[in-house]
Amino acid sequence: MVHLDAYGRAVDVSVWFDTAKKTGSPPDWSKMNDVLYHQGDIGTASYAVVPLVVPYLTDKESSWEPFALIAAIEEARLLGRAPAIPAELKEVYHDAIASSIDHALRAFPHASDALLVRSIIAVLSVAKGQVAIATFALLDQSEQSELLSL
């Protein structure tokens, strides 16, 4: 199904995952992030991608990118900088956010990479409505240090 990306362009997010399955490689997280999240803005395609991202949240050897993408999308929604969730996506989107909690809790004990740890914390935080914590976790270390030195 086609929805709008962060720039208002039509996009079918399932194509990225179909391509990943065909090639046996992970989805292009960087491209997805560029298209679906821009300076805090998202589109309806961002909601459509979240249920497709959840299966990539694995307990061991997880990538930080799918966790960060989910956290950024939910952060934008909670901050009111996003369109309403389309009716046909509401249930699957909220189920995916709830499911991301379980995946994050299973991945956390094995996480040692700083980006992964921060991304997991961000997912857990936004899933519980704690946007400020998630926002801080999504900042890079230099941005966090700058804020803490104030």
C-alpha atoms as a PDB file:
ATOM      1  CA  MET A   1       0.000   0.000   0.000  1.00  0.00           C
ATOM      2  CA  VAL A   2       1.260   3.473  -0.856  1.00  0.00           C
ATOM      3  CA  HIS A   3       1.599   6.176   1.800  1.00  0.00           C
ATOM      4  CA  LEU A   4       3.422   9.501   2.019  1.00  0.00           C
ATOM      5  CA  ASP A   5       7.028   9.794   3.166  1.00  0.00           C
ATOM      6  CA  ALA A   6       8.473  12.617   5.295  1.00  0.00           C
ATOM      7  CA  TYR A   7       8.657  14.834   2.177  1.00  0.00           C
ATOM      8  CA  GLY A   8       5.071  14.200   1.041  1.00  0.00           C
ATOM      9  CA  ARG A   9       6.040  11.789  -1.748  1.00  0.00           C
ATOM     10  CA  ALA A  10       4.181   8.520  -2.350  1.00  0.00           C
ATOM     11  CA  VAL A  11       6.131   5.413  -1.338  1.00  0.00           C
ATOM     12  CA  ASP A  12       5.386   1.717  -0.906  1.00  0.00           C
ATOM     13  CA  VAL A  13       7.566   0.672   2.034  1.00  0.00           C
ATOM     14  CA  SER A  14       6.996  -3.048   1.482  1.00  0.00           C
ATOM     15  CA  VAL A  15       9.243  -2.882  -1.604  1.00  0.00           C
ATOM     16  CA  TRP A  16      12.315  -2.327   0.615  1.00  0.00           C
ATOM     17  CA  PHE A  17      11.579  -5.488   2.580  1.00  0.00           C
ATOM     18  CA  ASP A  18      10.749  -7.544  -0.513  1.00  0.00           C
ATOM     19  CA  THR A  19      14.108  -6.526  -1.980  1.00  0.00           C
ATOM     20  CA  ALA A  20      15.911  -7.436   1.253  1.00  0.00           C
ATOM     21  CA  LYS A  21      14.306 -10.892   1.264  1.00  0.00           C
ATOM     22  CA  LYS A  22      15.212 -11.493  -2.380  1.00  0.00           C
ATOM     23  CA  THR A  23      18.839 -10.475  -1.887  1.00  0.00           C
ATOM     24  CA  GLY A  24      19.225 -12.051   1.554  1.00  0.00           C
ATOM     25  CA  SER A  25      20.605  -8.820   2.939  1.00  0.00           C
ATOM     26  CA  PRO A  26      19.187  -6.471   5.571  1.00  0.00           C
ATOM     27  CA  PRO A  27      16.988  -3.611   4.446  1.00  0.00           C
ATOM     28  CA  ASP A  28      18.674  -0.307   3.656  1.00  0.00           C
ATOM     29  CA  TRP A  29      18.130   1.303   7.068  1.00  0.00           C
ATOM     30  CA  SER A  30      19.934   4.489   6.080  1.00  0.00           C
ATOM     31  CA  LYS A  31      17.707   5.017   3.052  1.00  0.00           C
ATOM     32  CA  MET A  32      14.588   4.288   5.087  1.00  0.00           C
ATOM     33  CA  ASN A  33      15.643   6.760   7.743  1.00  0.00           C
ATOM     34  CA  ASP A  34      16.357   9.430   5.110  1.00  0.00           C
ATOM     35  CA  VAL A  35      12.969   8.948   3.441  1.00  0.00           C
ATOM     36  CA  LEU A  36      10.765   8.332   6.471  1.00  0.00           C
ATOM     37  CA  TYR A  37      12.193  10.731   9.060  1.00  0.00           C
ATOM     38  CA  HIS A  38      13.470  14.210   8.308  1.00  0.00           C
ATOM     39  CA  GLN A  39      14.312  16.637  11.116  1.00  0.00           C
ATOM     40  CA  GLY A  40      11.499  15.319  13.272  1.00  0.00           C
ATOM     41  CA  ASP A  41       8.951  15.137  10.470  1.00  0.00           C
ATOM     42  CA  ILE A  42       7.354  11.913   9.295  1.00  0.00           C
ATOM     43  CA  GLY A  43       4.588  10.882   6.933  1.00  0.00           C
ATOM     44  CA  THR A  44       2.043   8.094   6.935  1.00  0.00           C
ATOM     45  CA  ALA A  45       4.584   5.754   5.298  1.00  0.00           C
ATOM     46  CA  SER A  46       6.546   5.955   8.547  1.00  0.00           C
ATOM     47  CA  TYR A  47       3.649   4.301  10.359  1.00  0.00           C
ATOM     48  CA  ALA A  48       3.387   1.652   7.638  1.00  0.00           C
ATOM     49  CA  VAL A  49       7.047   0.679   8.015  1.00  0.00           C
ATOM     50  CA  VAL A  50       7.057   0.033  11.772  1.00  0.00           C
ATOM     51  CA  PRO A  51       5.262  -3.364  11.651  1.00  0.00           C
ATOM     52  CA  LEU A  52       7.675  -4.422   8.883  1.00  0.00           C
ATOM     53  CA  VAL A  53      10.717  -3.387  10.936  1.00  0.00           C
ATOM     54  CA  VAL A  54       9.807  -5.303  14.112  1.00  0.00           C
ATOM     55  CA  PRO A  55      10.897  -8.732  12.765  1.00  0.00           C
ATOM     56  CA  TYR A  56      14.405  -7.283  12.352  1.00  0.00           C
ATOM     57  CA  LEU A  57      14.674  -6.580  16.083  1.00  0.00           C
ATOM     58  CA  THR A  58      16.627  -9.639  17.158  1.00  0.00           C
ATOM     59  CA  ASP A  59      17.930 -10.618  20.571  1.00  0.00           C
ATOM     60  CA  LYS A  60      21.551 -11.210  19.619  1.00  0.00           C
ATOM     61  CA  GLU A  61      23.722  -9.279  17.225  1.00  0.00           C
ATOM     62  CA  SER A  62      21.002  -6.699  16.750  1.00  0.00           C
ATOM     63  CA  SER A  63      21.535  -3.641  14.628  1.00  0.00           C
ATOM     64  CA  TRP A  64      20.862  -0.303  16.261  1.00  0.00           C
ATOM     65  CA  GLU A  65      19.217   1.068  13.111  1.00  0.00           C
ATOM     66  CA  PRO A  66      15.788  -0.625  13.271  1.00  0.00           C
ATOM     67  CA  PHE A  67      15.460   0.254  16.966  1.00  0.00           C
ATOM     68  CA  ALA A  68      16.403   3.880  16.265  1.00  0.00           C
ATOM     69  CA  LEU A  69      14.005   4.123  13.312  1.00  0.00           C
ATOM     70  CA  ILE A  70      11.059   2.900  15.374  1.00  0.00           C
ATOM     71  CA  ALA A  71      11.985   5.213  18.253  1.00  0.00           C
ATOM     72  CA  ALA A  72      12.332   8.254  15.985  1.00  0.00           C
ATOM     73  CA  ILE A  73       8.970   7.622  14.313  1.00  0.00           C
ATOM     74  CA  GLU A  74       7.158   7.190  17.617  1.00  0.00           C
ATOM     75  CA  GLU A  75       8.975  10.220  19.059  1.00  0.00           C
ATOM     76  CA  ALA A  76       7.695  12.359  16.162  1.00  0.00           C
ATOM     77  CA  ARG A  77       4.162  11.048  16.681  1.00  0.00           C
ATOM     78  CA  LEU A  78       4.207  11.708  20.416  1.00  0.00           C
ATOM     79  CA  LEU A  79       5.590  15.217  19.929  1.00  0.00           C
ATOM     80  CA  GLY A  80       2.674  16.035  17.624  1.00  0.00           C
ATOM     81  CA  ARG A  81       4.904  16.641  14.610  1.00  0.00           C
ATOM     82  CA  ALA A  82       3.242  13.939  12.572  1.00  0.00           C
ATOM     83  CA  PRO A  83       0.053  13.244  10.675  1.00  0.00           C
ATOM     84  CA  ALA A  84      -2.604  11.095  12.288  1.00  0.00           C
ATOM     85  CA  ILE A  85      -2.146   7.357  11.961  1.00  0.00           C
ATOM     86  CA  PRO A  86      -4.360   6.163   9.089  1.00  0.00           C
ATOM     87  CA  ALA A  87      -7.256   4.032  10.324  1.00  0.00           C
ATOM     88  CA  GLU A  88      -6.041   0.956   8.445  1.00  0.00           C
ATOM     89  CA  LEU A  89      -2.656   1.147  10.199  1.00  0.00           C
ATOM     90  CA  LYS A  90      -3.693   2.040  13.757  1.00  0.00           C
ATOM     91  CA  GLU A  91      -3.981  -1.450  15.188  1.00  0.00           C
ATOM     92  CA  VAL A  92      -0.914  -2.945  13.480  1.00  0.00           C
ATOM     93  CA  TYR A  93       1.163   0.131  14.324  1.00  0.00           C
ATOM     94  CA  HIS A  94       0.294   0.066  18.020  1.00  0.00           C
ATOM     95  CA  ASP A  95       0.772  -3.724  18.140  1.00  0.00           C
ATOM     96  CA  ALA A  96       4.220  -3.273  16.582  1.00  0.00           C
ATOM     97  CA  ILE A  97       5.186  -0.623  19.149  1.00  0.00           C
ATOM     98  CA  ALA A  98       4.086  -2.981  21.948  1.00  0.00           C
ATOM     99  CA  SER A  99       6.014  -5.852  20.354  1.00  0.00           C
ATOM    100  CA  SER A 100       9.130  -3.699  20.097  1.00  0.00           C
ATOM    101  CA  ILE A 101       9.230  -3.574  23.906  1.00  0.00           C
ATOM    102  CA  ASP A 102       9.642  -7.353  24.130  1.00  0.00           C
ATOM    103  CA  HIS A 103      12.347  -7.349  21.455  1.00  0.00           C
ATOM    104  CA  ALA A 104      14.196  -4.487  23.139  1.00  0.00           C
ATOM    105  CA  LEU A 105      14.142  -6.211  26.518  1.00  0.00           C
ATOM    106  CA  ARG A 106      15.514  -9.428  24.973  1.00  0.00           C
ATOM    107  CA  ALA A 107      18.237  -7.576  23.033  1.00  0.00           C
ATOM    108  CA  PHE A 108      19.383  -5.345  25.892  1.00  0.00           C
ATOM    109  CA  PRO A 109      21.369  -7.946  27.910  1.00  0.00           C
ATOM    110  CA  HIS A 110      23.504  -8.724  24.830  1.00  0.00           C
ATOM    111  CA  ALA A 111      23.948  -5.103  23.740  1.00  0.00           C
ATOM    112  CA  SER A 112      27.388  -3.585  24.127  1.00  0.00           C
ATOM    113  CA  ASP A 113      27.547  -1.157  21.200  1.00  0.00           C
ATOM    114  CA  ALA A 114      26.716   2.359  22.434  1.00  0.00           C
ATOM    115  CA  LEU A 115      24.395   3.102  19.506  1.00  0.00           C
ATOM    116  CA  LEU A 116      22.471  -0.115  20.107  1.00  0.00           C
ATOM    117  CA  VAL A 117      22.153   0.531  23.840  1.00  0.00           C
ATOM    118  CA  ARG A 118      20.888   4.077  23.252  1.00  0.00           C
ATOM    119  CA  SER A 119      18.481   2.940  20.522  1.00  0.00           C
ATOM    120  CA  ILE A 120      17.023   0.220  22.752  1.00  0.00           C
ATOM    121  CA  ILE A 121      16.583   2.731  25.575  1.00  0.00           C
ATOM    122  CA  ALA A 122      14.866   5.081  23.116  1.00  0.00           C
ATOM    123  CA  VAL A 123      12.424   2.370  21.982  1.00  0.00           C
ATOM    124  CA  LEU A 124      11.579   1.435  25.558  1.00  0.00           C
ATOM    125  CA  SER A 125      11.137   5.090  26.468  1.00  0.00           C
ATOM    126  CA  VAL A 126       8.828   6.088  23.622  1.00  0.00           C
ATOM    127  CA  ALA A 127       6.808   2.908  24.030  1.00  0.00           C
ATOM    128  CA  LYS A 128       6.091   4.068  27.589  1.00  0.00           C
ATOM    129  CA  GLY A 129       5.443   7.676  26.562  1.00  0.00           C
ATOM    130  CA  GLN A 130       8.725   8.997  27.962  1.00  0.00           C
ATOM    131  CA  VAL A 131       9.651  11.220  25.030  1.00  0.00           C
ATOM    132  CA  ALA A 132      12.321  13.306  26.768  1.00  0.00           C
ATOM    133  CA  ILE A 133      14.310  10.214  27.714  1.00  0.00           C
ATOM    134  CA  ALA A 134      13.997   8.841  24.182  1.00  0.00           C
ATOM    135  CA  THR A 135      15.027  12.148  22.640  1.00  0.00           C
ATOM    136  CA  PHE A 136      18.129  12.283  24.825  1.00  0.00           C
ATOM    137  CA  ALA A 137      18.989   8.654  24.038  1.00  0.00           C
ATOM    138  CA  LEU A 138      18.746   9.340  20.295  1.00  0.00           C
ATOM    139  CA  LEU A 139      21.284  12.171  20.498  1.00  0.00           C
ATOM    140  CA  ASP A 140      24.890  11.314  19.717  1.00  0.00           C
ATOM    141  CA  GLN A 141      27.386  11.388  22.574  1.00  0.00           C
ATOM    142  CA  SER A 142      28.732  14.836  21.751  1.00  0.00           C
ATOM    143  CA  GLU A 143      25.203  16.284  21.775  1.00  0.00           C
ATOM    144  CA  GLN A 144      24.471  14.562  25.083  1.00  0.00           C
ATOM    145  CA  SER A 145      27.709  15.910  26.585  1.00  0.00           C
ATOM    146  CA  GLU A 146      26.921  19.409  25.388  1.00  0.00           C
ATOM    147  CA  LEU A 147      23.498  19.339  26.995  1.00  0.00           C
ATOM    148  CA  LEU A 148      24.836  17.946  30.251  1.00  0.00           C
ATOM    149  CA  SER A 149      27.493  20.631  30.531  1.00  0.00           C
ATOM    150  CA  LEU A 150      24.912  23.426  30.629  1.00  0.00           C
END
